[in-house]
Amino acid sequence: MANIWNTGAIGLAVAWQRFEIALVLSLVNFLTLRIMSGVKEDMDHEKENEEESESGE
């Protein structure tokens, strides 16, 4: 959901010809998505491992 707001802020910055702000927002958004996708994968793996250990008991 935050990505939608970020996209709107990027569009607003471009409309006001504040390209440096748009660039910074784009980089922050990209880095956040890259980092969070790795965190999500780690959490999914942990959940799978927990479910396997519970079913094996």
N, C-alpha and C. Protein backbone atom coordinates (compact mmCIF):
# COMPACT_ATOMS: atom_id res chain seq x y z
N MET A 1 0.82 -1.18 0.00
CA MET A 1 0.00 0.00 0.00
C MET A 1 0.87 1.26 0.00
N ALA A 2 1.97 1.20 0.73
CA ALA A 2 2.86 2.36 0.79
C ALA A 2 3.48 2.66 -0.56
N ASN A 3 3.63 1.62 -1.39
CA ASN A 3 4.20 1.82 -2.72
C ASN A 3 3.32 2.70 -3.58
N ILE A 4 2.01 2.59 -3.39
CA ILE A 4 1.09 3.44 -4.15
C ILE A 4 1.29 4.90 -3.76
N TRP A 5 1.42 5.16 -2.47
CA TRP A 5 1.65 6.52 -2.01
C TRP A 5 2.99 7.06 -2.51
N ASN A 6 3.99 6.20 -2.50
CA ASN A 6 5.31 6.59 -2.97
C ASN A 6 5.26 6.93 -4.47
N THR A 7 4.53 6.13 -5.23
CA THR A 7 4.39 6.41 -6.66
C THR A 7 3.71 7.75 -6.88
N GLY A 8 2.68 8.03 -6.10
CA GLY A 8 2.02 9.33 -6.20
C GLY A 8 2.95 10.48 -5.87
N ALA A 9 3.78 10.29 -4.85
CA ALA A 9 4.74 11.34 -4.46
C ALA A 9 5.79 11.54 -5.55
N ILE A 10 6.19 10.46 -6.20
CA ILE A 10 7.15 10.58 -7.32
C ILE A 10 6.51 11.36 -8.45
N GLY A 11 5.26 11.04 -8.78
CA GLY A 11 4.55 11.76 -9.83
C GLY A 11 4.40 13.24 -9.51
N LEU A 12 4.11 13.54 -8.27
CA LEU A 12 3.98 14.93 -7.84
C LEU A 12 5.31 15.67 -7.96
N ALA A 13 6.38 15.01 -7.55
CA ALA A 13 7.71 15.63 -7.65
C ALA A 13 8.08 15.90 -9.09
N VAL A 14 7.75 14.97 -9.98
CA VAL A 14 8.05 15.18 -11.41
C VAL A 14 7.19 16.32 -11.96
N ALA A 15 5.92 16.38 -11.56
CA ALA A 15 5.04 17.45 -12.03
C ALA A 15 5.56 18.82 -11.62
N TRP A 16 6.16 18.90 -10.44
CA TRP A 16 6.73 20.15 -9.98
C TRP A 16 8.17 20.33 -10.43
N GLN A 17 8.62 19.45 -11.30
CA GLN A 17 9.98 19.47 -11.87
C GLN A 17 11.05 19.41 -10.77
N ARG A 18 10.78 18.62 -9.75
CA ARG A 18 11.76 18.38 -8.68
C ARG A 18 12.29 16.97 -8.88
N PHE A 19 13.09 16.82 -9.93
CA PHE A 19 13.56 15.51 -10.35
C PHE A 19 14.49 14.86 -9.32
N GLU A 20 15.20 15.67 -8.56
CA GLU A 20 16.09 15.10 -7.54
C GLU A 20 15.28 14.40 -6.45
N ILE A 21 14.14 14.99 -6.10
CA ILE A 21 13.27 14.36 -5.10
C ILE A 21 12.68 13.07 -5.66
N ALA A 22 12.26 13.12 -6.92
CA ALA A 22 11.70 11.93 -7.56
C ALA A 22 12.73 10.81 -7.62
N LEU A 23 13.97 11.16 -7.90
CA LEU A 23 15.03 10.16 -7.96
C LEU A 23 15.29 9.53 -6.59
N VAL A 24 15.35 10.36 -5.56
CA VAL A 24 15.58 9.84 -4.21
C VAL A 24 14.42 8.94 -3.78
N LEU A 25 13.19 9.36 -4.03
CA LEU A 25 12.03 8.54 -3.68
C LEU A 25 12.04 7.22 -4.43
N SER A 26 12.43 7.26 -5.70
CA SER A 26 12.49 6.03 -6.49
C SER A 26 13.54 5.07 -5.93
N LEU A 27 14.69 5.59 -5.58
CA LEU A 27 15.75 4.74 -5.02
C LEU A 27 15.35 4.15 -3.68
N VAL A 28 14.74 4.96 -2.83
CA VAL A 28 14.30 4.47 -1.52
C VAL A 28 13.25 3.38 -1.71
N ASN A 29 12.31 3.60 -2.62
CA ASN A 29 11.27 2.61 -2.88
C ASN A 29 11.88 1.31 -3.40
N PHE A 30 12.79 1.41 -4.34
CA PHE A 30 13.43 0.22 -4.91
C PHE A 30 14.20 -0.56 -3.85
N LEU A 31 14.99 0.15 -3.07
CA LEU A 31 15.79 -0.52 -2.04
C LEU A 31 14.90 -1.16 -0.97
N THR A 32 13.85 -0.47 -0.61
CA THR A 32 12.92 -1.03 0.39
C THR A 32 12.29 -2.31 -0.13
N LEU A 33 11.86 -2.31 -1.38
CA LEU A 33 11.24 -3.51 -1.94
C LEU A 33 12.24 -4.66 -2.05
N ARG A 34 13.46 -4.35 -2.42
CA ARG A 34 14.48 -5.40 -2.52
C ARG A 34 14.79 -6.01 -1.16
N ILE A 35 14.95 -5.17 -0.16
CA ILE A 35 15.26 -5.66 1.18
C ILE A 35 14.09 -6.42 1.77
N MET A 36 12.89 -5.88 1.62
CA MET A 36 11.72 -6.52 2.21
C MET A 36 11.37 -7.83 1.52
N SER A 37 11.68 -7.97 0.24
CA SER A 37 11.40 -9.25 -0.42
C SER A 37 12.30 -10.34 0.16
N GLY A 38 13.53 -10.01 0.49
CA GLY A 38 14.43 -10.97 1.13
C GLY A 38 13.96 -11.33 2.53
N VAL A 39 13.49 -10.34 3.26
CA VAL A 39 12.98 -10.57 4.61
C VAL A 39 11.75 -11.46 4.55
N LYS A 40 10.87 -11.21 3.59
CA LYS A 40 9.66 -12.01 3.44
C LYS A 40 10.01 -13.46 3.13
N GLU A 41 10.97 -13.67 2.24
CA GLU A 41 11.39 -15.03 1.91
C GLU A 41 11.93 -15.75 3.14
N ASP A 42 12.73 -15.05 3.94
CA ASP A 42 13.26 -15.64 5.17
C ASP A 42 12.14 -16.01 6.13
N MET A 43 11.16 -15.14 6.26
CA MET A 43 10.03 -15.42 7.15
C MET A 43 9.22 -16.60 6.65
N ASP A 44 9.04 -16.70 5.32
CA ASP A 44 8.30 -17.82 4.75
C ASP A 44 9.03 -19.14 5.01
N HIS A 45 10.35 -19.14 4.87
CA HIS A 45 11.13 -20.35 5.12
C HIS A 45 11.05 -20.76 6.59
N GLU A 46 11.11 -19.79 7.49
CA GLU A 46 11.00 -20.09 8.91
C GLU A 46 9.64 -20.69 9.24
N LYS A 47 8.60 -20.14 8.62
CA LYS A 47 7.25 -20.65 8.87
C LYS A 47 7.11 -22.09 8.35
N GLU A 48 7.68 -22.36 7.17
CA GLU A 48 7.64 -23.72 6.62
C GLU A 48 8.38 -24.69 7.54
N ASN A 49 9.53 -24.28 8.05
CA ASN A 49 10.30 -25.14 8.95
C ASN A 49 9.53 -25.42 10.25
N GLU A 50 8.86 -24.41 10.78
CA GLU A 50 8.07 -24.60 11.99
C GLU A 50 6.92 -25.57 11.75
N GLU A 51 6.26 -25.43 10.60
CA GLU A 51 5.14 -26.32 10.28
C GLU A 51 5.62 -27.76 10.11
N GLU A 52 6.79 -27.95 9.50
CA GLU A 52 7.33 -29.28 9.32
C GLU A 52 7.71 -29.92 10.66
N SER A 53 8.28 -29.11 11.55
CA SER A 53 8.68 -29.67 12.85
C SER A 53 7.45 -30.00 13.71
N GLU A 54 6.38 -29.22 13.58
CA GLU A 54 5.16 -29.50 14.32
C GLU A 54 4.46 -30.76 13.81
N SER A 55 4.48 -30.96 12.51
CA SER A 55 3.80 -32.14 11.94
C SER A 55 4.62 -33.41 12.16
N GLY A 56 5.91 -33.28 12.41
CA GLY A 56 6.77 -34.43 12.62
C GLY A 56 6.73 -34.96 14.03
N GLU A 57 6.14 -34.24 14.94
CA GLU A 57 6.13 -34.67 16.36
C GLU A 57 5.18 -35.77 16.63
